[in-house]
C-alpha atoms as a PDB file:
ATOM      1  CA  UNK A   1      37.024  39.768 -10.707  1.00  0.00           C
ATOM      2  CA  UNK A   2      36.521  40.389  -7.007  1.00  0.00           C
ATOM      3  CA  UNK A   3      39.558  40.688  -4.692  1.00  0.00           C
ATOM      4  CA  UNK A   4      38.295  37.730  -2.654  1.00  0.00           C
ATOM      5  CA  UNK A   5      38.134  35.578  -5.719  1.00  0.00           C
ATOM      6  CA  UNK A   6      41.871  36.065  -6.526  1.00  0.00           C
ATOM      7  CA  UNK A   7      43.167  35.994  -2.915  1.00  0.00           C
ATOM      8  CA  UNK A   8      44.365  39.589  -2.877  1.00  0.00           C
ATOM      9  CA  UNK A   9      42.198  40.753  -0.016  1.00  0.00           C
ATOM     10  CA  UNK A  10      44.326  38.827   2.526  1.00  0.00           C
ATOM     11  CA  UNK A  11      47.561  40.036   0.915  1.00  0.00           C
ATOM     12  CA  UNK A  12      46.339  43.596   1.086  1.00  0.00           C
ATOM     13  CA  UNK A  13      45.485  43.236   4.808  1.00  0.00           C
ATOM     14  CA  UNK A  14      48.900  41.790   5.578  1.00  0.00           C
ATOM     15  CA  UNK A  15      50.541  44.659   3.792  1.00  0.00           C
ATOM     16  CA  UNK A  16      48.411  47.202   5.697  1.00  0.00           C
ATOM     17  CA  UNK A  17      49.247  45.571   9.003  1.00  0.00           C
ATOM     18  CA  UNK A  18      52.957  45.571   8.263  1.00  0.00           C
ATOM     19  CA  UNK A  19      52.871  49.264   7.252  1.00  0.00           C
ATOM     20  CA  UNK A  20      50.809  50.152  10.303  1.00  0.00           C
ATOM     21  CA  UNK A  21      53.520  48.672  12.510  1.00  0.00           C
ATOM     22  CA  UNK A  22      56.651  49.774  10.618  1.00  0.00           C
ATOM     23  CA  UNK A  23      55.865  53.100   8.858  1.00  0.00           C
ATOM     24  CA  UNK A  24      55.789  56.251  10.918  1.00  0.00           C
ATOM     25  CA  UNK A  25      53.121  58.805  10.154  1.00  0.00           C
ATOM     26  CA  UNK A  26      55.777  61.532   9.503  1.00  0.00           C
ATOM     27  CA  UNK A  27      57.389  59.300   6.794  1.00  0.00           C
ATOM     28  CA  UNK A  28      54.191  59.448   4.744  1.00  0.00           C
ATOM     29  CA  UNK A  29      53.949  62.424   2.333  1.00  0.00           C
ATOM     30  CA  UNK A  30      51.105  64.774   3.208  1.00  0.00           C
ATOM     31  CA  UNK A  31      48.696  65.860   0.389  1.00  0.00           C
ATOM     32  CA  UNK A  32      48.560  69.478  -0.640  1.00  0.00           C
ATOM     33  CA  UNK A  33      46.078  71.433   1.570  1.00  0.00           C
ATOM     34  CA  UNK A  34      43.563  71.809  -1.305  1.00  0.00           C
ATOM     35  CA  UNK A  35      43.999  68.262  -2.704  1.00  0.00           C
ATOM     36  CA  UNK A  36      40.609  67.110  -1.348  1.00  0.00           C
ATOM     37  CA  UNK A  37      38.811  70.082  -2.959  1.00  0.00           C
ATOM     38  CA  UNK A  38      40.562  69.536  -6.318  1.00  0.00           C
ATOM     39  CA  UNK A  39      39.516  65.808  -6.286  1.00  0.00           C
ATOM     40  CA  UNK A  40      36.027  66.567  -5.373  1.00  0.00           C
ATOM     41  CA  UNK A  41      35.698  69.271  -8.130  1.00  0.00           C
ATOM     42  CA  UNK A  42      36.991  66.768 -10.714  1.00  0.00           C
ATOM     43  CA  UNK A  43      34.572  64.077  -9.598  1.00  0.00           C
ATOM     44  CA  UNK A  44      31.634  66.550  -9.693  1.00  0.00           C
ATOM     45  CA  UNK A  45      32.672  67.598 -13.218  1.00  0.00           C
ATOM     46  CA  UNK A  46      32.810  63.992 -14.296  1.00  0.00           C
ATOM     47  CA  UNK A  47      29.389  63.257 -12.829  1.00  0.00           C
ATOM     48  CA  UNK A  48      27.794  66.205 -14.800  1.00  0.00           C
ATOM     49  CA  UNK A  49      28.963  64.618 -18.144  1.00  0.00           C
END
């Protein structure tokens, strides 16, 4: 099912807008410095299969 079909797209947008206004950047946990590289490596390995 698509998000639009079940009406969750609007709910997700409302939640995003609320968080954008109420959650400070410093309150959001930061990823490990090498997290992006780890994710990309995992994706590349899965694509080779």
